[in-house]
Amino acid sequence: MTNKPYDLVVFIGRFQIVHNAHKAIIDRACELANHKVLVIIGSADKPRTYKNPFTTNERRAMIKAITTDSSVPVFIDQVYDNTYNDTAWAAQIQRVVSDHASRPW
């Protein structure tokens, strides 16, 4: 184990489309994480539209493609929109993060 400031770093986004800034943030998260980085894809329940041109599986594949050389494992999960209900959305995020934090490193 290295002496990095965090055991787990979380990055939440829609990732419509995955771009260089996403890669830079994930790379920085890997520099800060001792054990793993968790990328959470938002709006996972949305159909393909002009605003959301990529499916959750396509976004997941793009994230995997840019993290193959990461210094720590990068896990990818997803959450669904809770329109006008920030409390439900936050609870969903907390469940996903708690689930990943409780898994063995």
N, C-alpha and C. Protein backbone atom coordinates (compact mmCIF):
# COMPACT_ATOMS: atom_id res chain seq x y z
N MET A 1 0.84 -1.18 0.00
CA MET A 1 0.00 0.00 0.00
C MET A 1 0.89 1.24 0.00
N THR A 2 0.50 2.20 -0.80
CA THR A 2 1.22 3.46 -0.84
C THR A 2 0.61 4.43 0.16
N ASN A 3 1.23 5.55 0.32
CA ASN A 3 0.75 6.54 1.28
C ASN A 3 0.00 7.65 0.55
N LYS A 4 -1.10 7.30 -0.06
CA LYS A 4 -1.94 8.28 -0.75
C LYS A 4 -3.04 8.73 0.20
N PRO A 5 -3.62 9.89 -0.03
CA PRO A 5 -4.56 10.44 0.95
C PRO A 5 -5.91 9.72 1.07
N TYR A 6 -6.32 8.97 0.06
CA TYR A 6 -7.67 8.36 0.09
C TYR A 6 -7.61 6.88 -0.28
N ASP A 7 -8.44 6.08 0.36
CA ASP A 7 -8.56 4.68 -0.03
C ASP A 7 -9.40 4.53 -1.30
N LEU A 8 -10.45 5.33 -1.39
CA LEU A 8 -11.40 5.27 -2.50
C LEU A 8 -11.69 6.69 -2.98
N VAL A 9 -11.59 6.90 -4.30
CA VAL A 9 -11.95 8.19 -4.89
C VAL A 9 -13.12 7.95 -5.83
N VAL A 10 -14.15 8.82 -5.75
CA VAL A 10 -15.38 8.67 -6.52
C VAL A 10 -15.49 9.81 -7.52
N PHE A 11 -15.87 9.46 -8.74
CA PHE A 11 -16.08 10.45 -9.81
C PHE A 11 -17.44 10.16 -10.43
N ILE A 12 -18.35 11.13 -10.35
CA ILE A 12 -19.71 10.99 -10.85
C ILE A 12 -19.88 11.87 -12.08
N GLY A 13 -20.50 11.33 -13.14
CA GLY A 13 -20.77 12.14 -14.33
C GLY A 13 -21.71 11.43 -15.28
N ARG A 14 -22.19 12.17 -16.26
CA ARG A 14 -23.03 11.55 -17.30
C ARG A 14 -22.15 10.90 -18.36
N PHE A 15 -20.99 11.48 -18.63
CA PHE A 15 -20.03 10.94 -19.60
C PHE A 15 -20.64 10.81 -21.00
N GLN A 16 -21.30 11.88 -21.42
CA GLN A 16 -21.92 11.95 -22.75
C GLN A 16 -21.15 12.97 -23.58
N ILE A 17 -20.14 12.74 -24.07
CA ILE A 17 -19.24 11.67 -24.43
C ILE A 17 -18.05 11.71 -23.47
N VAL A 18 -17.37 10.61 -23.34
CA VAL A 18 -16.13 10.59 -22.56
C VAL A 18 -15.08 11.39 -23.35
N HIS A 19 -14.43 12.33 -22.66
CA HIS A 19 -13.46 13.20 -23.35
C HIS A 19 -12.17 13.34 -22.53
N ASN A 20 -11.25 14.12 -23.03
CA ASN A 20 -9.92 14.24 -22.41
C ASN A 20 -9.97 14.75 -20.98
N ALA A 21 -10.90 15.64 -20.66
CA ALA A 21 -10.99 16.13 -19.28
C ALA A 21 -11.42 15.01 -18.34
N HIS A 22 -12.33 14.14 -18.79
CA HIS A 22 -12.70 12.97 -17.97
C HIS A 22 -11.47 12.11 -17.71
N LYS A 23 -10.69 11.88 -18.74
CA LYS A 23 -9.46 11.08 -18.59
C LYS A 23 -8.51 11.73 -17.59
N ALA A 24 -8.35 13.05 -17.69
CA ALA A 24 -7.45 13.75 -16.77
C ALA A 24 -7.94 13.64 -15.33
N ILE A 25 -9.23 13.74 -15.11
CA ILE A 25 -9.78 13.63 -13.75
C ILE A 25 -9.59 12.22 -13.22
N ILE A 26 -9.85 11.22 -14.05
CA ILE A 26 -9.66 9.83 -13.61
C ILE A 26 -8.19 9.56 -13.30
N ASP A 27 -7.30 10.07 -14.14
CA ASP A 27 -5.86 9.91 -13.88
C ASP A 27 -5.48 10.55 -12.55
N ARG A 28 -6.01 11.74 -12.28
CA ARG A 28 -5.72 12.41 -11.00
C ARG A 28 -6.31 11.63 -9.84
N ALA A 29 -7.51 11.09 -10.01
CA ALA A 29 -8.13 10.27 -8.97
C ALA A 29 -7.24 9.07 -8.65
N CYS A 30 -6.66 8.47 -9.67
CA CYS A 30 -5.77 7.32 -9.46
C CYS A 30 -4.52 7.72 -8.68
N GLU A 31 -4.05 8.95 -8.87
CA GLU A 31 -2.90 9.43 -8.11
C GLU A 31 -3.24 9.62 -6.64
N LEU A 32 -4.50 9.86 -6.32
CA LEU A 32 -4.94 10.14 -4.95
C LEU A 32 -5.45 8.91 -4.21
N ALA A 33 -5.74 7.84 -4.93
CA ALA A 33 -6.39 6.67 -4.34
C ALA A 33 -5.38 5.57 -4.02
N ASN A 34 -5.44 5.07 -2.79
CA ASN A 34 -4.62 3.93 -2.39
C ASN A 34 -5.09 2.64 -3.05
N HIS A 35 -6.41 2.45 -3.11
CA HIS A 35 -6.91 1.13 -3.49
C HIS A 35 -7.76 1.10 -4.75
N LYS A 36 -8.66 2.07 -4.92
CA LYS A 36 -9.50 2.02 -6.12
C LYS A 36 -10.16 3.36 -6.38
N VAL A 37 -10.57 3.50 -7.65
CA VAL A 37 -11.35 4.64 -8.11
C VAL A 37 -12.70 4.09 -8.56
N LEU A 38 -13.76 4.78 -8.17
CA LEU A 38 -15.11 4.40 -8.57
C LEU A 38 -15.67 5.48 -9.47
N VAL A 39 -15.98 5.12 -10.70
CA VAL A 39 -16.62 6.03 -11.65
C VAL A 39 -18.10 5.67 -11.68
N ILE A 40 -18.95 6.65 -11.41
CA ILE A 40 -20.40 6.41 -11.40
C ILE A 40 -21.02 7.12 -12.59
N ILE A 41 -21.64 6.34 -13.46
CA ILE A 41 -22.31 6.89 -14.64
C ILE A 41 -23.72 7.29 -14.25
N GLY A 42 -24.04 8.56 -14.44
CA GLY A 42 -25.38 9.06 -14.15
C GLY A 42 -26.30 8.95 -15.35
N SER A 43 -27.57 9.17 -15.10
CA SER A 43 -28.60 9.11 -16.16
C SER A 43 -28.59 7.77 -16.88
N ALA A 44 -28.35 6.71 -16.12
CA ALA A 44 -28.22 5.38 -16.73
C ALA A 44 -29.54 4.85 -17.28
N ASP A 45 -30.65 5.45 -16.87
CA ASP A 45 -31.95 4.97 -17.31
C ASP A 45 -32.48 5.74 -18.52
N LYS A 46 -31.72 6.68 -19.03
CA LYS A 46 -32.19 7.52 -20.12
C LYS A 46 -32.00 6.84 -21.48
N PRO A 47 -33.01 6.93 -22.34
CA PRO A 47 -32.87 6.38 -23.69
C PRO A 47 -31.94 7.26 -24.52
N ARG A 48 -31.51 6.72 -25.63
CA ARG A 48 -30.65 7.47 -26.55
C ARG A 48 -31.44 8.65 -27.13
N THR A 49 -30.86 9.85 -26.98
CA THR A 49 -31.47 11.06 -27.53
C THR A 49 -30.37 11.96 -28.07
N TYR A 50 -30.75 13.10 -28.60
CA TYR A 50 -29.76 14.08 -29.05
C TYR A 50 -28.89 14.53 -27.87
N LYS A 51 -29.51 14.76 -26.71
CA LYS A 51 -28.78 15.20 -25.52
C LYS A 51 -27.97 14.06 -24.90
N ASN A 52 -28.45 12.83 -25.02
CA ASN A 52 -27.80 11.64 -24.46
C ASN A 52 -27.57 10.63 -25.59
N PRO A 53 -26.57 10.86 -26.43
CA PRO A 53 -26.40 10.01 -27.61
C PRO A 53 -25.85 8.61 -27.34
N PHE A 54 -25.34 8.36 -26.13
CA PHE A 54 -24.71 7.06 -25.87
C PHE A 54 -25.44 6.31 -24.77
N THR A 55 -25.55 5.01 -24.94
CA THR A 55 -26.18 4.17 -23.92
C THR A 55 -25.22 4.01 -22.74
N THR A 56 -25.74 3.49 -21.66
CA THR A 56 -24.89 3.24 -20.49
C THR A 56 -23.77 2.27 -20.84
N ASN A 57 -24.08 1.22 -21.57
CA ASN A 57 -23.04 0.24 -21.94
C ASN A 57 -21.97 0.86 -22.84
N GLU A 58 -22.37 1.75 -23.73
CA GLU A 58 -21.38 2.42 -24.58
C GLU A 58 -20.49 3.35 -23.75
N ARG A 59 -21.07 4.06 -22.80
CA ARG A 59 -20.27 4.94 -21.93
C ARG A 59 -19.33 4.12 -21.06
N ARG A 60 -19.84 2.99 -20.56
CA ARG A 60 -19.01 2.09 -19.76
C ARG A 60 -17.80 1.61 -20.58
N ALA A 61 -18.03 1.25 -21.83
CA ALA A 61 -16.95 0.78 -22.70
C ALA A 61 -15.93 1.88 -22.96
N MET A 62 -16.41 3.13 -23.15
CA MET A 62 -15.49 4.25 -23.37
C MET A 62 -14.62 4.49 -22.13
N ILE A 63 -15.24 4.40 -20.95
CA ILE A 63 -14.47 4.60 -19.71
C ILE A 63 -13.45 3.49 -19.54
N LYS A 64 -13.86 2.25 -19.80
CA LYS A 64 -12.90 1.15 -19.71
C LYS A 64 -11.72 1.36 -20.66
N ALA A 65 -12.01 1.86 -21.85
CA ALA A 65 -10.96 2.06 -22.85
C ALA A 65 -9.92 3.08 -22.41
N ILE A 66 -10.31 4.08 -21.63
CA ILE A 66 -9.34 5.11 -21.22
C ILE A 66 -8.69 4.80 -19.87
N THR A 67 -9.08 3.69 -19.24
CA THR A 67 -8.53 3.37 -17.92
C THR A 67 -7.74 2.06 -17.91
N THR A 68 -7.41 1.53 -19.05
CA THR A 68 -6.70 0.25 -19.10
C THR A 68 -5.32 0.32 -18.48
N ASP A 69 -4.71 1.50 -18.46
CA ASP A 69 -3.35 1.63 -17.91
C ASP A 69 -3.34 2.34 -16.56
N SER A 70 -4.46 2.36 -15.87
CA SER A 70 -4.55 3.05 -14.58
C SER A 70 -3.68 2.39 -13.52
N SER A 71 -3.18 3.21 -12.61
CA SER A 71 -2.28 2.71 -11.56
C SER A 71 -3.02 2.00 -10.43
N VAL A 72 -4.32 2.22 -10.31
CA VAL A 72 -5.16 1.49 -9.35
C VAL A 72 -6.39 1.00 -10.11
N PRO A 73 -7.07 -0.02 -9.59
CA PRO A 73 -8.27 -0.50 -10.27
C PRO A 73 -9.34 0.58 -10.36
N VAL A 74 -9.98 0.66 -11.52
CA VAL A 74 -11.08 1.59 -11.73
C VAL A 74 -12.35 0.77 -11.91
N PHE A 75 -13.30 0.98 -11.01
CA PHE A 75 -14.59 0.30 -11.06
C PHE A 75 -15.62 1.25 -11.63
N ILE A 76 -16.56 0.71 -12.37
CA ILE A 76 -17.60 1.53 -13.00
C ILE A 76 -18.95 1.02 -12.54
N ASP A 77 -19.78 1.94 -12.07
CA ASP A 77 -21.15 1.61 -11.66
C ASP A 77 -22.07 2.64 -12.29
N GLN A 78 -23.34 2.58 -11.95
CA GLN A 78 -24.30 3.49 -12.56
C GLN A 78 -25.40 3.85 -11.58
N VAL A 79 -26.03 5.00 -11.83
CA VAL A 79 -27.20 5.43 -11.06
C VAL A 79 -28.24 5.96 -12.03
N TYR A 80 -29.46 6.02 -11.55
CA TYR A 80 -30.59 6.49 -12.35
C TYR A 80 -31.00 7.88 -11.90
N ASP A 81 -31.63 8.61 -12.80
CA ASP A 81 -32.10 9.95 -12.46
C ASP A 81 -33.29 9.88 -11.52
N ASN A 82 -33.34 10.81 -10.62
CA ASN A 82 -34.48 11.01 -9.72
C ASN A 82 -34.91 12.46 -9.89
N THR A 83 -35.58 12.74 -10.98
CA THR A 83 -35.94 14.11 -11.33
C THR A 83 -36.70 14.78 -10.19
N TYR A 84 -36.21 15.95 -9.82
CA TYR A 84 -36.81 16.77 -8.75
C TYR A 84 -36.78 16.10 -7.39
N ASN A 85 -35.91 15.12 -7.20
CA ASN A 85 -35.81 14.47 -5.90
C ASN A 85 -34.33 14.24 -5.57
N ASP A 86 -33.68 15.32 -5.18
CA ASP A 86 -32.24 15.25 -4.89
C ASP A 86 -31.92 14.31 -3.73
N THR A 87 -32.83 14.19 -2.79
CA THR A 87 -32.61 13.31 -1.64
C THR A 87 -32.52 11.86 -2.09
N ALA A 88 -33.41 11.45 -2.98
CA ALA A 88 -33.38 10.07 -3.48
C ALA A 88 -32.13 9.83 -4.31
N TRP A 89 -31.71 10.82 -5.09
CA TRP A 89 -30.50 10.67 -5.90
C TRP A 89 -29.29 10.53 -4.98
N ALA A 90 -29.20 11.37 -3.96
CA ALA A 90 -28.07 11.31 -3.02
C ALA A 90 -28.04 9.97 -2.29
N ALA A 91 -29.21 9.46 -1.91
CA ALA A 91 -29.27 8.16 -1.23
C ALA A 91 -28.78 7.05 -2.15
N GLN A 92 -29.12 7.15 -3.42
CA GLN A 92 -28.67 6.15 -4.40
C GLN A 92 -27.14 6.18 -4.53
N ILE A 93 -26.58 7.38 -4.60
CA ILE A 93 -25.12 7.54 -4.68
C ILE A 93 -24.47 6.95 -3.43
N GLN A 94 -25.03 7.25 -2.27
CA GLN A 94 -24.47 6.73 -1.02
C GLN A 94 -24.51 5.21 -0.98
N ARG A 95 -25.57 4.60 -1.48
CA ARG A 95 -25.65 3.13 -1.52
C ARG A 95 -24.58 2.54 -2.42
N VAL A 96 -24.40 3.13 -3.60
CA VAL A 96 -23.40 2.62 -4.54
C VAL A 96 -22.00 2.76 -3.95
N VAL A 97 -21.70 3.92 -3.39
CA VAL A 97 -20.36 4.14 -2.81
C VAL A 97 -20.15 3.20 -1.62
N SER A 98 -21.14 3.07 -0.76
CA SER A 98 -21.03 2.18 0.40
C SER A 98 -20.78 0.74 -0.04
N ASP A 99 -21.49 0.32 -1.07
CA ASP A 99 -21.32 -1.05 -1.58
C ASP A 99 -19.88 -1.27 -2.05
N HIS A 100 -19.33 -0.32 -2.78
CA HIS A 100 -17.96 -0.48 -3.27
C HIS A 100 -16.93 -0.33 -2.17
N ALA A 101 -17.20 0.55 -1.21
CA ALA A 101 -16.25 0.75 -0.10
C ALA A 101 -16.18 -0.48 0.81
N SER A 102 -17.28 -1.23 0.89
CA SER A 102 -17.30 -2.40 1.76
C SER A 102 -16.68 -3.64 1.12
N ARG A 103 -16.44 -3.60 -0.18
CA ARG A 103 -15.81 -4.74 -0.85
C ARG A 103 -14.32 -4.76 -0.55
N PRO A 104 -13.75 -5.97 -0.51
CA PRO A 104 -12.29 -6.04 -0.26
C PRO A 104 -11.52 -5.30 -1.34
N TRP A 105 -10.43 -4.68 -0.94
CA TRP A 105 -9.61 -3.95 -1.90
C TRP A 105 -8.94 -4.95 -2.79
